Amino acid sequence: MNISMLFSSCDKYDDAWVPFFTQLKKFWPEFDMPVYMSIESKTFQFEGFDIRCPLADGPVYKQWSERLLKLLEHIDTEYVLFTLDDFWLTAPVNNGIFERIYSYMENDKRMGFVCLKQEIIKGKSSAKDIAASVDCEYPELWRCLKNKSFRITTQFGLWKRSYLIKILRTHESAWYFETRATWRSKFCWERVYDVKETVITYPIGGFFGGGQCYEDYKDLFDGELIKPCVEKRGFIHFGDHRDYPPTPKGFYYYFSIFRSMLPKW
């Protein structure tokens, strides 16, 4: 397959890497693609995987989107499988469905992105988003209309590499990317899809929250595997109060919004 994995992380989250690849090896035995690490300056290897860290010897790119774009310059496959570092698998991957979705993308060049985690759940999703997710020629997928919330997301997903490059902006964080790229995607030729049933299973939102470990998820993993993370970060619980730094609403904030609205040239 003409796919590479794009593993999005940073050096200070290196404690997440062994759990990620341990669970990937356990629950996706058919996995056979190179892995490109979006990290600043460290290198990493794990038995059984072709892991590449091309940014390790060059300048340090601190901004999340800029680092991804620099890494994408080193990837020559037509498609990338995107993931964040704390999406640790908890069940076998449906490899047959994954390969079928990949074949759809190979044959339909308008398919830009397929989110591989179920996003539309009756009783939980808003009526607006349910209405904006429509049946299409691919029975496993919803096609996301342009008014769907978060139609662009950082969940596990299969991307056309050229579309991901088109929709990224160097100055954006992961959070700004999801909201602002969702808006930009409305003006793109490529189409966006969600799976009707999850293909790759992991804890909702990932194992980390606010730089800490969710104790609510600890029983999903071997205690020794997550011990380094817990010792480094401690636990947080769903619903715990988290102090977020205030967003300064000065010139640079509004200028960043303006930059996000501009077409890429």
C-alpha atoms as a PDB file:
ATOM      1  CA  MET A   1       0.000   0.000   0.000  1.00  0.00           C
ATOM      2  CA  ASN A   2       1.103   3.514  -0.791  1.00  0.00           C
ATOM      3  CA  ILE A   3       0.737   4.730   2.830  1.00  0.00           C
ATOM      4  CA  SER A   4       2.990   6.018   5.594  1.00  0.00           C
ATOM      5  CA  MET A   5       2.021   6.587   9.224  1.00  0.00           C
ATOM      6  CA  LEU A   6       2.419  10.169  10.441  1.00  0.00           C
ATOM      7  CA  PHE A   7       2.929   9.980  14.206  1.00  0.00           C
ATOM      8  CA  SER A   8       2.349  13.402  15.765  1.00  0.00           C
ATOM      9  CA  SER A   9       4.124  14.009  19.057  1.00  0.00           C
ATOM     10  CA  CYS A  10       6.904  16.124  20.585  1.00  0.00           C
ATOM     11  CA  ASP A  11      10.055  15.412  22.546  1.00  0.00           C
ATOM     12  CA  LYS A  12       8.525  16.037  25.972  1.00  0.00           C
ATOM     13  CA  TYR A  13       5.981  13.270  25.372  1.00  0.00           C
ATOM     14  CA  ASP A  14       8.579  10.583  24.706  1.00  0.00           C
ATOM     15  CA  ASP A  15       7.070   8.515  27.547  1.00  0.00           C
ATOM     16  CA  ALA A  16       4.040   7.925  25.291  1.00  0.00           C
ATOM     17  CA  TRP A  17       5.979   6.233  22.514  1.00  0.00           C
ATOM     18  CA  VAL A  18       6.621   2.770  23.980  1.00  0.00           C
ATOM     19  CA  PRO A  19       2.965   2.308  25.057  1.00  0.00           C
ATOM     20  CA  PHE A  20       1.779   3.456  21.623  1.00  0.00           C
ATOM     21  CA  PHE A  21       3.904   1.016  19.640  1.00  0.00           C
ATOM     22  CA  THR A  22       3.378  -1.804  22.135  1.00  0.00           C
ATOM     23  CA  GLN A  23      -0.380  -1.554  21.658  1.00  0.00           C
ATOM     24  CA  LEU A  24      -0.055  -1.063  17.896  1.00  0.00           C
ATOM     25  CA  LYS A  25       2.013  -4.236  17.604  1.00  0.00           C
ATOM     26  CA  LYS A  26      -0.450  -6.143  19.779  1.00  0.00           C
ATOM     27  CA  PHE A  27      -3.647  -5.098  18.038  1.00  0.00           C
ATOM     28  CA  TRP A  28      -2.591  -4.582  14.417  1.00  0.00           C
ATOM     29  CA  PRO A  29      -0.372  -7.507  13.378  1.00  0.00           C
ATOM     30  CA  GLU A  30      -0.922  -6.736   9.676  1.00  0.00           C
ATOM     31  CA  PHE A  31       0.575  -3.247  10.061  1.00  0.00           C
ATOM     32  CA  ASP A  32       3.224  -2.793   7.375  1.00  0.00           C
ATOM     33  CA  MET A  33       4.110   0.801   6.564  1.00  0.00           C
ATOM     34  CA  PRO A  34       6.929   3.198   7.443  1.00  0.00           C
ATOM     35  CA  VAL A  35       6.331   5.419  10.478  1.00  0.00           C
ATOM     36  CA  TYR A  36       7.432   9.067  10.365  1.00  0.00           C
ATOM     37  CA  MET A  37       7.812  10.712  13.778  1.00  0.00           C
ATOM     38  CA  SER A  38       6.776  14.360  14.032  1.00  0.00           C
ATOM     39  CA  ILE A  39       9.086  15.218  16.946  1.00  0.00           C
ATOM     40  CA  GLU A  40      11.680  17.938  17.453  1.00  0.00           C
ATOM     41  CA  SER A  41      15.151  16.485  17.977  1.00  0.00           C
ATOM     42  CA  LYS A  42      15.004  12.993  19.452  1.00  0.00           C
ATOM     43  CA  THR A  43      15.139   9.648  17.667  1.00  0.00           C
ATOM     44  CA  PHE A  44      13.281   6.445  18.499  1.00  0.00           C
ATOM     45  CA  GLN A  45      13.156   2.817  17.395  1.00  0.00           C
ATOM     46  CA  PHE A  46      10.859  -0.073  18.285  1.00  0.00           C
ATOM     47  CA  GLU A  47      11.318  -3.674  17.234  1.00  0.00           C
ATOM     48  CA  GLY A  48       9.195  -4.696  14.262  1.00  0.00           C
ATOM     49  CA  PHE A  49       8.631  -1.170  12.922  1.00  0.00           C
ATOM     50  CA  ASP A  50      10.346   0.932  10.271  1.00  0.00           C
ATOM     51  CA  ILE A  51      10.492   4.182  12.254  1.00  0.00           C
ATOM     52  CA  ARG A  52      12.006   7.294  10.704  1.00  0.00           C
ATOM     53  CA  CYS A  53      12.922  10.567  12.435  1.00  0.00           C
ATOM     54  CA  PRO A  54      14.074  12.845   9.598  1.00  0.00           C
ATOM     55  CA  LEU A  55      13.707  16.077  11.580  1.00  0.00           C
ATOM     56  CA  ALA A  56      16.139  15.022  14.317  1.00  0.00           C
ATOM     57  CA  ASP A  57      19.248  16.475  12.648  1.00  0.00           C
ATOM     58  CA  GLY A  58      17.811  19.743  11.414  1.00  0.00           C
ATOM     59  CA  PRO A  59      16.298  22.919  12.861  1.00  0.00           C
ATOM     60  CA  VAL A  60      13.841  22.542  15.738  1.00  0.00           C
ATOM     61  CA  TYR A  61      10.250  23.309  14.687  1.00  0.00           C
ATOM     62  CA  LYS A  62       8.227  24.049  17.818  1.00  0.00           C
ATOM     63  CA  GLN A  63       4.890  24.881  16.212  1.00  0.00           C
ATOM     64  CA  TRP A  64       2.721  21.793  15.710  1.00  0.00           C
ATOM     65  CA  SER A  65       1.575  22.500  12.146  1.00  0.00           C
ATOM     66  CA  GLU A  66       4.946  23.720  10.919  1.00  0.00           C
ATOM     67  CA  ARG A  67       6.571  20.514  12.183  1.00  0.00           C
ATOM     68  CA  LEU A  68       3.990  18.400  10.355  1.00  0.00           C
ATOM     69  CA  LEU A  69       4.518  20.300   7.112  1.00  0.00           C
ATOM     70  CA  LYS A  70       8.298  19.924   7.348  1.00  0.00           C
ATOM     71  CA  LEU A  71       7.890  16.205   8.012  1.00  0.00           C
ATOM     72  CA  LEU A  72       5.511  15.800   5.077  1.00  0.00           C
ATOM     73  CA  GLU A  73       8.320  17.032   2.815  1.00  0.00           C
ATOM     74  CA  HIS A  74      10.148  13.803   3.682  1.00  0.00           C
ATOM     75  CA  ILE A  75       7.181  11.515   2.970  1.00  0.00           C
ATOM     76  CA  ASP A  76       6.752  10.329  -0.607  1.00  0.00           C
ATOM     77  CA  THR A  77       3.671   8.108  -0.264  1.00  0.00           C
ATOM     78  CA  GLU A  78       0.387   9.368  -1.681  1.00  0.00           C
ATOM     79  CA  TYR A  79      -1.493   8.712   1.576  1.00  0.00           C
ATOM     80  CA  VAL A  80      -0.713   9.165   5.250  1.00  0.00           C
ATOM     81  CA  LEU A  81      -2.272   7.557   8.298  1.00  0.00           C
ATOM     82  CA  PHE A  82      -2.354  10.279  10.932  1.00  0.00           C
ATOM     83  CA  THR A  83      -2.343   9.686  14.683  1.00  0.00           C
ATOM     84  CA  LEU A  84      -1.530  11.454  17.928  1.00  0.00           C
ATOM     85  CA  ASP A  85       0.901   9.917  20.395  1.00  0.00           C
ATOM     86  CA  ASP A  86      -1.623   8.951  23.110  1.00  0.00           C
ATOM     87  CA  PHE A  87      -4.063   7.071  20.884  1.00  0.00           C
ATOM     88  CA  TRP A  88      -3.114   3.694  22.354  1.00  0.00           C
ATOM     89  CA  LEU A  89      -5.055   0.838  20.799  1.00  0.00           C
ATOM     90  CA  THR A  90      -7.359  -1.233  23.007  1.00  0.00           C
ATOM     91  CA  ALA A  91      -8.901  -3.675  20.485  1.00  0.00           C
ATOM     92  CA  PRO A  92      -7.939  -5.383  17.218  1.00  0.00           C
ATOM     93  CA  VAL A  93      -7.943  -3.128  14.163  1.00  0.00           C
ATOM     94  CA  ASN A  94     -10.435  -4.062  11.461  1.00  0.00           C
ATOM     95  CA  ASN A  95      -7.737  -4.433   8.819  1.00  0.00           C
ATOM     96  CA  GLY A  96     -10.156  -5.634   6.136  1.00  0.00           C
ATOM     97  CA  ILE A  97     -12.240  -2.454   6.396  1.00  0.00           C
ATOM     98  CA  PHE A  98      -9.090  -0.329   6.533  1.00  0.00           C
ATOM     99  CA  GLU A  99      -7.809  -1.834   3.283  1.00  0.00           C
ATOM    100  CA  ARG A 100     -11.230  -1.361   1.684  1.00  0.00           C
ATOM    101  CA  ILE A 101     -11.278   2.338   2.628  1.00  0.00           C
ATOM    102  CA  TYR A 102      -7.783   2.691   1.209  1.00  0.00           C
ATOM    103  CA  SER A 103      -8.961   1.136  -2.073  1.00  0.00           C
ATOM    104  CA  TYR A 104     -11.842   3.620  -2.196  1.00  0.00           C
ATOM    105  CA  MET A 105      -9.387   6.505  -1.837  1.00  0.00           C
ATOM    106  CA  GLU A 106      -7.101   5.124  -4.530  1.00  0.00           C
ATOM    107  CA  ASN A 107      -9.993   4.997  -6.983  1.00  0.00           C
ATOM    108  CA  ASP A 108     -11.755   8.222  -5.977  1.00  0.00           C
ATOM    109  CA  LYS A 109      -9.339  11.151  -6.048  1.00  0.00           C
ATOM    110  CA  ARG A 110     -11.906  13.487  -4.474  1.00  0.00           C
ATOM    111  CA  MET A 111     -11.597  11.607  -1.174  1.00  0.00           C
ATOM    112  CA  GLY A 112      -9.295  13.801   0.918  1.00  0.00           C
ATOM    113  CA  PHE A 113      -9.777  12.525   4.467  1.00  0.00           C
ATOM    114  CA  VAL A 114     -11.512   9.624   6.224  1.00  0.00           C
ATOM    115  CA  CYS A 115     -11.808   9.741  10.015  1.00  0.00           C
ATOM    116  CA  LEU A 116     -11.381   6.149  11.226  1.00  0.00           C
ATOM    117  CA  LYS A 117     -13.087   6.623  14.602  1.00  0.00           C
ATOM    118  CA  GLN A 118     -16.879   6.761  14.714  1.00  0.00           C
ATOM    119  CA  GLU A 119     -17.913  10.380  15.109  1.00  0.00           C
ATOM    120  CA  ILE A 120     -21.688  10.194  14.621  1.00  0.00           C
ATOM    121  CA  ILE A 121     -23.445   8.427  17.495  1.00  0.00           C
ATOM    122  CA  LYS A 122     -27.222   8.552  17.767  1.00  0.00           C
ATOM    123  CA  GLY A 123     -28.262   9.949  21.105  1.00  0.00           C
ATOM    124  CA  LYS A 124     -24.950  11.759  21.549  1.00  0.00           C
ATOM    125  CA  SER A 125     -24.270  13.642  18.326  1.00  0.00           C
ATOM    126  CA  SER A 126     -26.195  16.820  17.615  1.00  0.00           C
ATOM    127  CA  ALA A 127     -29.122  16.770  15.203  1.00  0.00           C
ATOM    128  CA  LYS A 128     -27.163  19.209  13.026  1.00  0.00           C
ATOM    129  CA  ASP A 129     -24.191  16.869  12.696  1.00  0.00           C
ATOM    130  CA  ILE A 130     -26.373  13.808  12.116  1.00  0.00           C
ATOM    131  CA  ALA A 131     -28.128  15.657   9.288  1.00  0.00           C
ATOM    132  CA  ALA A 132     -24.737  16.706   7.882  1.00  0.00           C
ATOM    133  CA  SER A 133     -23.529  13.078   7.660  1.00  0.00           C
ATOM    134  CA  VAL A 134     -25.125  11.444   4.643  1.00  0.00           C
ATOM    135  CA  ASP A 135     -25.040   8.048   2.983  1.00  0.00           C
ATOM    136  CA  CYS A 136     -22.792   7.718  -0.034  1.00  0.00           C
ATOM    137  CA  GLU A 137     -21.587   5.109  -2.507  1.00  0.00           C
ATOM    138  CA  TYR A 138     -19.311   3.632   0.149  1.00  0.00           C
ATOM    139  CA  PRO A 139     -21.414   1.565   2.595  1.00  0.00           C
ATOM    140  CA  GLU A 140     -18.950   1.841   5.493  1.00  0.00           C
ATOM    141  CA  LEU A 141     -18.791   5.650   5.337  1.00  0.00           C
ATOM    142  CA  TRP A 142     -20.752   8.825   5.893  1.00  0.00           C
ATOM    143  CA  ARG A 143     -19.922  11.730   3.625  1.00  0.00           C
ATOM    144  CA  CYS A 144     -19.575  14.875   5.741  1.00  0.00           C
ATOM    145  CA  LEU A 145     -21.400  17.879   4.375  1.00  0.00           C
ATOM    146  CA  LYS A 146     -19.814  21.285   4.685  1.00  0.00           C
ATOM    147  CA  ASN A 147     -21.840  22.337   7.750  1.00  0.00           C
ATOM    148  CA  LYS A 148     -20.714  19.412   9.943  1.00  0.00           C
ATOM    149  CA  SER A 149     -18.848  20.433  13.085  1.00  0.00           C
ATOM    150  CA  PHE A 150     -15.221  19.337  13.271  1.00  0.00           C
ATOM    151  CA  ARG A 151     -15.287  17.677   9.861  1.00  0.00           C
ATOM    152  CA  ILE A 152     -11.508  18.090  10.061  1.00  0.00           C
ATOM    153  CA  THR A 153     -10.092  16.397  13.150  1.00  0.00           C
ATOM    154  CA  THR A 154      -6.859  15.049  14.623  1.00  0.00           C
ATOM    155  CA  GLN A 155      -8.387  11.641  15.337  1.00  0.00           C
ATOM    156  CA  PHE A 156      -6.855   8.553  13.715  1.00  0.00           C
ATOM    157  CA  GLY A 157      -7.491   9.168  10.033  1.00  0.00           C
ATOM    158  CA  LEU A 158      -6.412   8.323   6.511  1.00  0.00           C
ATOM    159  CA  TRP A 159      -5.431  11.400   4.499  1.00  0.00           C
ATOM    160  CA  LYS A 160      -4.459  12.119   0.956  1.00  0.00           C
ATOM    161  CA  ARG A 161      -1.033  13.628   1.571  1.00  0.00           C
ATOM    162  CA  SER A 162      -1.585  16.515  -0.840  1.00  0.00           C
ATOM    163  CA  TYR A 163      -4.855  17.447   0.881  1.00  0.00           C
ATOM    164  CA  LEU A 164      -3.274  17.491   4.324  1.00  0.00           C
ATOM    165  CA  ILE A 165      -0.520  19.770   3.011  1.00  0.00           C
ATOM    166  CA  LYS A 166      -3.136  22.008   1.397  1.00  0.00           C
ATOM    167  CA  ILE A 167      -5.165  22.432   4.563  1.00  0.00           C
ATOM    168  CA  LEU A 168      -2.372  22.866   7.124  1.00  0.00           C
ATOM    169  CA  ARG A 169      -1.053  26.327   8.066  1.00  0.00           C
ATOM    170  CA  THR A 170       2.372  26.696   9.663  1.00  0.00           C
ATOM    171  CA  HIS A 171       1.270  28.944  12.549  1.00  0.00           C
ATOM    172  CA  GLU A 172      -1.596  26.828  13.928  1.00  0.00           C
ATOM    173  CA  SER A 173      -1.719  24.613  16.997  1.00  0.00           C
ATOM    174  CA  ALA A 174      -3.538  21.277  16.860  1.00  0.00           C
ATOM    175  CA  TRP A 175      -6.607  22.887  18.447  1.00  0.00           C
ATOM    176  CA  TYR A 176      -6.715  25.786  16.014  1.00  0.00           C
ATOM    177  CA  PHE A 177      -6.145  23.360  13.151  1.00  0.00           C
ATOM    178  CA  GLU A 178      -9.317  21.406  13.940  1.00  0.00           C
ATOM    179  CA  THR A 179     -11.545  24.475  14.078  1.00  0.00           C
ATOM    180  CA  ARG A 180      -9.986  26.631  11.381  1.00  0.00           C
ATOM    181  CA  ALA A 181      -9.217  23.810   8.927  1.00  0.00           C
ATOM    182  CA  THR A 182     -12.843  22.717   9.274  1.00  0.00           C
ATOM    183  CA  TRP A 183     -13.784  26.159   7.946  1.00  0.00           C
ATOM    184  CA  ARG A 184     -11.126  26.043   5.190  1.00  0.00           C
ATOM    185  CA  SER A 185     -12.268  22.584   4.098  1.00  0.00           C
ATOM    186  CA  LYS A 186     -15.588  24.042   2.967  1.00  0.00           C
ATOM    187  CA  PHE A 187     -13.800  25.668   0.037  1.00  0.00           C
ATOM    188  CA  CYS A 188     -11.788  22.611  -1.040  1.00  0.00           C
ATOM    189  CA  TRP A 189     -12.531  20.270  -3.905  1.00  0.00           C
ATOM    190  CA  GLU A 190     -11.723  17.208  -1.804  1.00  0.00           C
ATOM    191  CA  ARG A 191     -14.442  15.445   0.173  1.00  0.00           C
ATOM    192  CA  VAL A 192     -14.390  14.399   3.822  1.00  0.00           C
ATOM    193  CA  TYR A 193     -15.799  11.181   5.311  1.00  0.00           C
ATOM    194  CA  ASP A 194     -16.419   9.507   8.678  1.00  0.00           C
ATOM    195  CA  VAL A 195     -16.649   5.766   9.298  1.00  0.00           C
ATOM    196  CA  LYS A 196     -20.026   4.462  10.426  1.00  0.00           C
ATOM    197  CA  GLU A 197     -18.308   2.065  12.822  1.00  0.00           C
ATOM    198  CA  THR A 198     -14.901   2.527  14.426  1.00  0.00           C
ATOM    199  CA  VAL A 199     -12.022   0.870  12.575  1.00  0.00           C
ATOM    200  CA  ILE A 200      -9.237   1.719  15.053  1.00  0.00           C
ATOM    201  CA  THR A 201     -10.248   1.608  18.729  1.00  0.00           C
ATOM    202  CA  TYR A 202      -8.566   3.693  21.441  1.00  0.00           C
ATOM    203  CA  PRO A 203      -9.713   5.796  24.419  1.00  0.00           C
ATOM    204  CA  ILE A 204     -11.810   8.792  23.422  1.00  0.00           C
ATOM    205  CA  GLY A 205      -9.550  11.828  23.361  1.00  0.00           C
ATOM    206  CA  GLY A 206      -6.445   9.791  24.146  1.00  0.00           C
ATOM    207  CA  PHE A 207      -4.755   8.740  27.386  1.00  0.00           C
ATOM    208  CA  PHE A 208      -3.553  12.237  28.294  1.00  0.00           C
ATOM    209  CA  GLY A 209      -5.470  15.295  29.373  1.00  0.00           C
ATOM    210  CA  GLY A 210      -3.781  18.557  30.205  1.00  0.00           C
ATOM    211  CA  GLY A 211      -0.421  16.810  30.333  1.00  0.00           C
ATOM    212  CA  GLN A 212      -1.638  14.209  32.850  1.00  0.00           C
ATOM    213  CA  CYS A 213      -2.896  10.624  32.554  1.00  0.00           C
ATOM    214  CA  TYR A 214      -6.594   9.829  32.704  1.00  0.00           C
ATOM    215  CA  GLU A 215      -7.049   7.464  35.623  1.00  0.00           C
ATOM    216  CA  ASP A 216     -10.407   6.538  34.079  1.00  0.00           C
ATOM    217  CA  TYR A 217      -8.468   4.676  31.345  1.00  0.00           C
ATOM    218  CA  LYS A 218      -5.747   3.032  33.440  1.00  0.00           C
ATOM    219  CA  ASP A 219      -7.407  -0.398  33.583  1.00  0.00           C
ATOM    220  CA  LEU A 220      -7.344  -0.617  29.782  1.00  0.00           C
ATOM    221  CA  PHE A 221      -3.567  -1.058  29.835  1.00  0.00           C
ATOM    222  CA  ASP A 222      -0.914  -3.107  31.584  1.00  0.00           C
ATOM    223  CA  GLY A 223       0.186  -1.339  34.753  1.00  0.00           C
ATOM    224  CA  GLU A 224       3.884  -1.737  34.026  1.00  0.00           C
ATOM    225  CA  LEU A 225       3.434  -0.338  30.526  1.00  0.00           C
ATOM    226  CA  ILE A 226       1.904   2.928  31.708  1.00  0.00           C
ATOM    227  CA  LYS A 227       3.975   3.234  34.900  1.00  0.00           C
ATOM    228  CA  PRO A 228       6.583   5.654  33.430  1.00  0.00           C
ATOM    229  CA  CYS A 229       3.796   7.954  32.199  1.00  0.00           C
ATOM    230  CA  VAL A 230       1.965   7.903  35.538  1.00  0.00           C
ATOM    231  CA  GLU A 231       5.147   8.545  37.525  1.00  0.00           C
ATOM    232  CA  LYS A 232       6.052  11.462  35.262  1.00  0.00           C
ATOM    233  CA  ARG A 233       2.608  13.044  34.922  1.00  0.00           C
ATOM    234  CA  GLY A 234       0.249  11.849  37.635  1.00  0.00           C
ATOM    235  CA  PHE A 235      -3.463  11.270  37.215  1.00  0.00           C
ATOM    236  CA  ILE A 236      -6.408  13.404  36.243  1.00  0.00           C
ATOM    237  CA  HIS A 237     -10.075  12.353  36.151  1.00  0.00           C
ATOM    238  CA  PHE A 238     -12.899  13.151  33.782  1.00  0.00           C
ATOM    239  CA  GLY A 239     -14.613  16.266  35.038  1.00  0.00           C
ATOM    240  CA  ASP A 240     -11.657  17.549  37.054  1.00  0.00           C
ATOM    241  CA  HIS A 241     -11.173  21.290  36.876  1.00  0.00           C
ATOM    242  CA  ARG A 242      -8.352  22.285  34.544  1.00  0.00           C
ATOM    243  CA  ASP A 243      -6.810  25.735  34.424  1.00  0.00           C
ATOM    244  CA  TYR A 244      -6.205  26.811  30.857  1.00  0.00           C
ATOM    245  CA  PRO A 245      -3.899  29.736  30.179  1.00  0.00           C
ATOM    246  CA  PRO A 246      -5.872  32.741  28.951  1.00  0.00           C
ATOM    247  CA  THR A 247      -5.779  33.405  25.230  1.00  0.00           C
ATOM    248  CA  PRO A 248      -4.450  36.915  24.651  1.00  0.00           C
ATOM    249  CA  LYS A 249      -6.842  38.702  22.318  1.00  0.00           C
ATOM    250  CA  GLY A 250      -4.353  41.223  21.006  1.00  0.00           C
ATOM    251  CA  PHE A 251      -2.959  41.957  17.564  1.00  0.00           C
ATOM    252  CA  TYR A 252      -1.185  38.621  17.077  1.00  0.00           C
ATOM    253  CA  TYR A 253      -4.305  36.620  17.945  1.00  0.00           C
ATOM    254  CA  TYR A 254      -6.430  38.394  15.350  1.00  0.00           C
ATOM    255  CA  PHE A 255      -3.591  38.376  12.850  1.00  0.00           C
ATOM    256  CA  SER A 256      -3.346  34.589  13.245  1.00  0.00           C
ATOM    257  CA  ILE A 257      -7.064  34.292  12.438  1.00  0.00           C
ATOM    258  CA  PHE A 258      -6.513  36.452   9.345  1.00  0.00           C
ATOM    259  CA  ARG A 259      -3.601  34.210   8.265  1.00  0.00           C
ATOM    260  CA  SER A 260      -5.768  31.128   8.777  1.00  0.00           C
ATOM    261  CA  MET A 261      -8.391  32.517   6.420  1.00  0.00           C
ATOM    262  CA  LEU A 262      -5.972  33.211   3.599  1.00  0.00           C
ATOM    263  CA  PRO A 263      -5.562  30.720   0.751  1.00  0.00           C
ATOM    264  CA  LYS A 264      -2.223  28.945   0.610  1.00  0.00           C
ATOM    265  CA  TRP A 265       0.084  30.231  -2.086  1.00  0.00           C
END
